[in-house]
Each structure stands twice: as C-alpha cells, then as structure tokens.
Amino acid sequence: MKIRVWQKDYDLVDETILNAGEFTRVKPGLYHSFEGLEDGVAFELYWAEFNHDDIQRETVGHLKEQGRSNLVRLDDKKKR
C-alpha cells in the first residue's frame, strides 16, 4: 500500500510504501491518501490521545460499595 501525505511545512508530498504487517502514523490535520498496490486488507485507525489538561473537572467519580452491588457515582462538590 502506498500512503501519500501532504505536508504543511513544505511543498512536497511524502510517499511511504507499506508491506503486509507494517503501519505508519499520519499526524493530525494532514491530508493523506491510500493506494492499494496489491490485493489485500487495510485498516485506518483513529486514536484519540489522552490529555489530562483537555477539560476542567467539576466532580470526580469513584467506586462505592453498597451492599452486594457496586455503584459508580459522582460526588457533589464539597460546600465551602
């Protein structure tokens, strides 16, 4: 499979040839395309990377045991 990636930093298109079992990563926000050079199966996976600073939390959830069942709940903010 041939992967083409249009870069923002320079006026060229990067090309990568992948063989069976290989993979590559395309940075977010870059235009890219795929071309099958032989018959086969390909998967395009999207991965959201965790960033603990991406949101501001008002409450924090935790596991509380009550009797025989476990409940996940959010505690209210502590009153000042």
N, C-alpha and C. Protein backbone atom coordinates (compact mmCIF):
# COMPACT_ATOMS: atom_id res chain seq x y z
N MET A 1 0.84 -1.16 0.00
CA MET A 1 0.00 0.00 0.00
C MET A 1 0.89 1.23 0.00
N LYS A 2 0.51 2.20 -0.80
CA LYS A 2 1.23 3.48 -0.84
C LYS A 2 0.40 4.52 -0.11
N ILE A 3 1.04 5.20 0.83
CA ILE A 3 0.40 6.28 1.57
C ILE A 3 1.06 7.59 1.15
N ARG A 4 0.25 8.54 0.78
CA ARG A 4 0.74 9.89 0.44
C ARG A 4 0.27 10.85 1.52
N VAL A 5 1.19 11.72 1.96
CA VAL A 5 0.87 12.71 3.00
C VAL A 5 1.32 14.08 2.50
N TRP A 6 0.36 15.01 2.43
CA TRP A 6 0.67 16.38 2.03
C TRP A 6 1.08 17.15 3.27
N GLN A 7 2.34 17.61 3.27
CA GLN A 7 2.89 18.30 4.42
C GLN A 7 2.50 19.78 4.41
N LYS A 8 2.40 20.38 5.59
CA LYS A 8 2.12 21.81 5.69
C LYS A 8 3.41 22.64 5.71
N ASP A 9 4.49 22.03 6.17
CA ASP A 9 5.75 22.77 6.36
C ASP A 9 6.52 23.00 5.07
N TYR A 10 6.26 22.19 4.05
CA TYR A 10 6.96 22.33 2.77
C TYR A 10 6.05 21.85 1.65
N ASP A 11 6.38 22.22 0.43
CA ASP A 11 5.51 22.00 -0.72
C ASP A 11 5.83 20.67 -1.42
N LEU A 12 5.84 19.59 -0.67
CA LEU A 12 6.07 18.27 -1.23
C LEU A 12 5.05 17.30 -0.65
N VAL A 13 4.92 16.15 -1.33
CA VAL A 13 4.05 15.08 -0.84
C VAL A 13 4.95 13.91 -0.46
N ASP A 14 4.89 13.50 0.81
CA ASP A 14 5.67 12.34 1.25
C ASP A 14 4.94 11.06 0.82
N GLU A 15 5.70 10.09 0.33
CA GLU A 15 5.13 8.79 -0.04
C GLU A 15 5.82 7.70 0.76
N THR A 16 5.02 6.78 1.30
CA THR A 16 5.53 5.66 2.07
C THR A 16 4.91 4.38 1.50
N ILE A 17 5.72 3.35 1.28
CA ILE A 17 5.23 2.05 0.84
C ILE A 17 5.22 1.13 2.05
N LEU A 18 4.05 0.53 2.32
CA LEU A 18 3.92 -0.41 3.43
C LEU A 18 3.73 -1.82 2.90
N ASN A 19 4.37 -2.77 3.54
CA ASN A 19 4.19 -4.19 3.24
C ASN A 19 3.26 -4.80 4.28
N ALA A 20 2.85 -6.02 4.06
CA ALA A 20 1.93 -6.72 4.98
C ALA A 20 2.48 -6.66 6.41
N GLY A 21 1.62 -6.28 7.37
CA GLY A 21 2.01 -6.23 8.77
C GLY A 21 2.65 -4.93 9.21
N GLU A 22 2.93 -4.03 8.31
CA GLU A 22 3.55 -2.75 8.67
C GLU A 22 2.49 -1.69 8.87
N PHE A 23 2.88 -0.59 9.52
CA PHE A 23 1.95 0.52 9.73
C PHE A 23 2.72 1.82 9.70
N THR A 24 1.98 2.90 9.60
CA THR A 24 2.57 4.24 9.69
C THR A 24 1.58 5.13 10.41
N ARG A 25 2.05 6.27 10.84
CA ARG A 25 1.20 7.24 11.54
C ARG A 25 1.19 8.53 10.75
N VAL A 26 0.00 9.10 10.57
CA VAL A 26 -0.15 10.39 9.93
C VAL A 26 -0.55 11.39 11.00
N LYS A 27 0.18 12.47 11.11
CA LYS A 27 -0.11 13.48 12.14
C LYS A 27 -1.49 14.08 11.91
N PRO A 28 -2.18 14.45 12.99
CA PRO A 28 -3.50 15.06 12.85
C PRO A 28 -3.46 16.33 11.99
N GLY A 29 -4.48 16.52 11.19
CA GLY A 29 -4.60 17.72 10.38
C GLY A 29 -3.93 17.68 9.03
N LEU A 30 -3.26 16.57 8.70
CA LEU A 30 -2.60 16.47 7.40
C LEU A 30 -3.47 15.67 6.43
N TYR A 31 -3.59 16.19 5.20
CA TYR A 31 -4.30 15.45 4.17
C TYR A 31 -3.46 14.24 3.77
N HIS A 32 -4.14 13.11 3.55
CA HIS A 32 -3.43 11.89 3.17
C HIS A 32 -4.34 11.01 2.31
N SER A 33 -3.72 10.09 1.57
CA SER A 33 -4.47 9.16 0.74
C SER A 33 -3.79 7.81 0.76
N PHE A 34 -4.55 6.77 0.35
CA PHE A 34 -4.06 5.40 0.32
C PHE A 34 -4.24 4.85 -1.09
N GLU A 35 -3.27 4.06 -1.52
CA GLU A 35 -3.38 3.38 -2.82
C GLU A 35 -2.93 1.94 -2.64
N GLY A 36 -3.85 1.01 -2.89
CA GLY A 36 -3.51 -0.41 -2.81
C GLY A 36 -2.66 -0.81 -4.00
N LEU A 37 -1.47 -1.29 -3.77
CA LEU A 37 -0.58 -1.72 -4.85
C LEU A 37 -0.76 -3.20 -5.17
N GLU A 38 -1.34 -3.95 -4.25
CA GLU A 38 -1.67 -5.35 -4.41
C GLU A 38 -3.01 -5.60 -3.73
N ASP A 39 -3.64 -6.74 -4.01
CA ASP A 39 -4.86 -7.10 -3.29
C ASP A 39 -4.53 -7.31 -1.82
N GLY A 40 -5.41 -6.87 -0.94
CA GLY A 40 -5.17 -7.04 0.48
C GLY A 40 -6.24 -6.34 1.29
N VAL A 41 -6.03 -6.31 2.59
CA VAL A 41 -6.95 -5.67 3.53
C VAL A 41 -6.15 -4.63 4.30
N ALA A 42 -6.75 -3.45 4.47
CA ALA A 42 -6.09 -2.38 5.22
C ALA A 42 -7.07 -1.81 6.24
N PHE A 43 -6.56 -1.33 7.34
CA PHE A 43 -7.36 -0.71 8.39
C PHE A 43 -6.84 0.70 8.63
N GLU A 44 -7.76 1.65 8.70
CA GLU A 44 -7.40 3.00 9.11
C GLU A 44 -7.95 3.19 10.51
N LEU A 45 -7.07 3.41 11.46
CA LEU A 45 -7.47 3.55 12.86
C LEU A 45 -7.31 4.99 13.30
N TYR A 46 -8.30 5.46 14.03
CA TYR A 46 -8.23 6.79 14.63
C TYR A 46 -7.95 6.61 16.10
N TRP A 47 -7.02 7.36 16.62
CA TRP A 47 -6.65 7.24 18.02
C TRP A 47 -6.73 8.61 18.66
N ALA A 48 -7.54 8.72 19.69
CA ALA A 48 -7.61 9.96 20.44
C ALA A 48 -6.65 9.85 21.61
N GLU A 49 -5.68 10.71 21.65
CA GLU A 49 -4.69 10.65 22.73
C GLU A 49 -5.23 11.35 23.97
N PHE A 50 -5.02 10.72 25.10
CA PHE A 50 -5.49 11.27 26.37
C PHE A 50 -4.61 12.43 26.80
N ASN A 51 -5.25 13.52 27.14
CA ASN A 51 -4.55 14.69 27.65
C ASN A 51 -5.31 15.14 28.90
N HIS A 52 -4.71 14.96 30.06
CA HIS A 52 -5.42 15.26 31.30
C HIS A 52 -5.74 16.75 31.45
N ASP A 53 -5.14 17.61 30.65
CA ASP A 53 -5.42 19.04 30.73
C ASP A 53 -6.48 19.49 29.73
N ASP A 54 -7.13 18.54 29.04
CA ASP A 54 -8.06 18.93 27.98
C ASP A 54 -9.42 19.39 28.51
N ILE A 55 -9.76 19.10 29.75
CA ILE A 55 -11.03 19.54 30.32
C ILE A 55 -10.80 19.97 31.77
N GLN A 56 -11.75 20.75 32.29
CA GLN A 56 -11.73 21.10 33.70
C GLN A 56 -12.83 20.31 34.38
N ARG A 57 -12.48 19.50 35.35
CA ARG A 57 -13.45 18.66 36.03
C ARG A 57 -14.12 19.40 37.18
N GLU A 58 -15.44 19.29 37.24
CA GLU A 58 -16.21 19.86 38.35
C GLU A 58 -16.34 18.86 39.48
N THR A 59 -16.43 17.55 39.14
CA THR A 59 -16.55 16.49 40.12
C THR A 59 -15.66 15.34 39.69
N VAL A 60 -15.44 14.41 40.61
CA VAL A 60 -14.62 13.25 40.33
C VAL A 60 -15.41 12.00 40.69
N GLY A 61 -15.47 11.04 39.78
CA GLY A 61 -16.21 9.80 40.05
C GLY A 61 -15.34 8.79 40.77
N HIS A 62 -15.99 7.90 41.52
CA HIS A 62 -15.27 6.80 42.17
C HIS A 62 -16.24 5.67 42.45
N LEU A 63 -15.69 4.52 42.78
CA LEU A 63 -16.49 3.32 43.03
C LEU A 63 -16.86 3.26 44.50
N LYS A 64 -18.15 3.11 44.78
CA LYS A 64 -18.65 2.97 46.16
C LYS A 64 -19.34 1.62 46.27
N GLU A 65 -19.03 0.88 47.31
CA GLU A 65 -19.71 -0.38 47.54
C GLU A 65 -20.91 -0.14 48.43
N GLN A 66 -22.06 -0.63 48.01
CA GLN A 66 -23.27 -0.52 48.81
C GLN A 66 -23.94 -1.88 48.80
N GLY A 67 -23.87 -2.57 49.91
CA GLY A 67 -24.44 -3.92 49.96
C GLY A 67 -23.65 -4.86 49.07
N ARG A 68 -24.34 -5.57 48.22
CA ARG A 68 -23.69 -6.56 47.36
C ARG A 68 -23.37 -6.00 45.98
N SER A 69 -23.88 -4.82 45.64
CA SER A 69 -23.65 -4.29 44.30
C SER A 69 -22.70 -3.11 44.35
N ASN A 70 -21.96 -2.93 43.29
CA ASN A 70 -21.06 -1.79 43.17
C ASN A 70 -21.73 -0.73 42.30
N LEU A 71 -21.71 0.51 42.76
CA LEU A 71 -22.29 1.61 42.02
C LEU A 71 -21.20 2.63 41.73
N VAL A 72 -21.19 3.14 40.52
CA VAL A 72 -20.28 4.22 40.18
C VAL A 72 -21.10 5.49 40.22
N ARG A 73 -20.65 6.48 41.01
CA ARG A 73 -21.41 7.71 41.11
C ARG A 73 -20.47 8.90 41.20
N LEU A 74 -20.99 10.06 40.92
CA LEU A 74 -20.24 11.28 41.06
C LEU A 74 -20.62 11.95 42.36
N ASP A 75 -19.63 12.32 43.15
CA ASP A 75 -19.89 13.05 44.38
C ASP A 75 -20.10 14.51 44.07
N ASP A 76 -20.96 15.15 44.84
CA ASP A 76 -21.17 16.59 44.68
C ASP A 76 -19.94 17.33 45.18
N LYS A 77 -19.79 18.56 44.68
CA LYS A 77 -18.70 19.40 45.19
C LYS A 77 -18.87 19.63 46.68
N LYS A 78 -17.77 19.69 47.39
CA LYS A 78 -17.85 20.00 48.82
C LYS A 78 -18.25 21.44 48.99
N LYS A 79 -19.17 21.68 49.91
CA LYS A 79 -19.61 23.05 50.18
C LYS A 79 -18.53 23.76 50.98
N ARG A 80 -18.33 25.01 50.66
CA ARG A 80 -17.29 25.80 51.34
C ARG A 80 -17.78 26.37 52.61
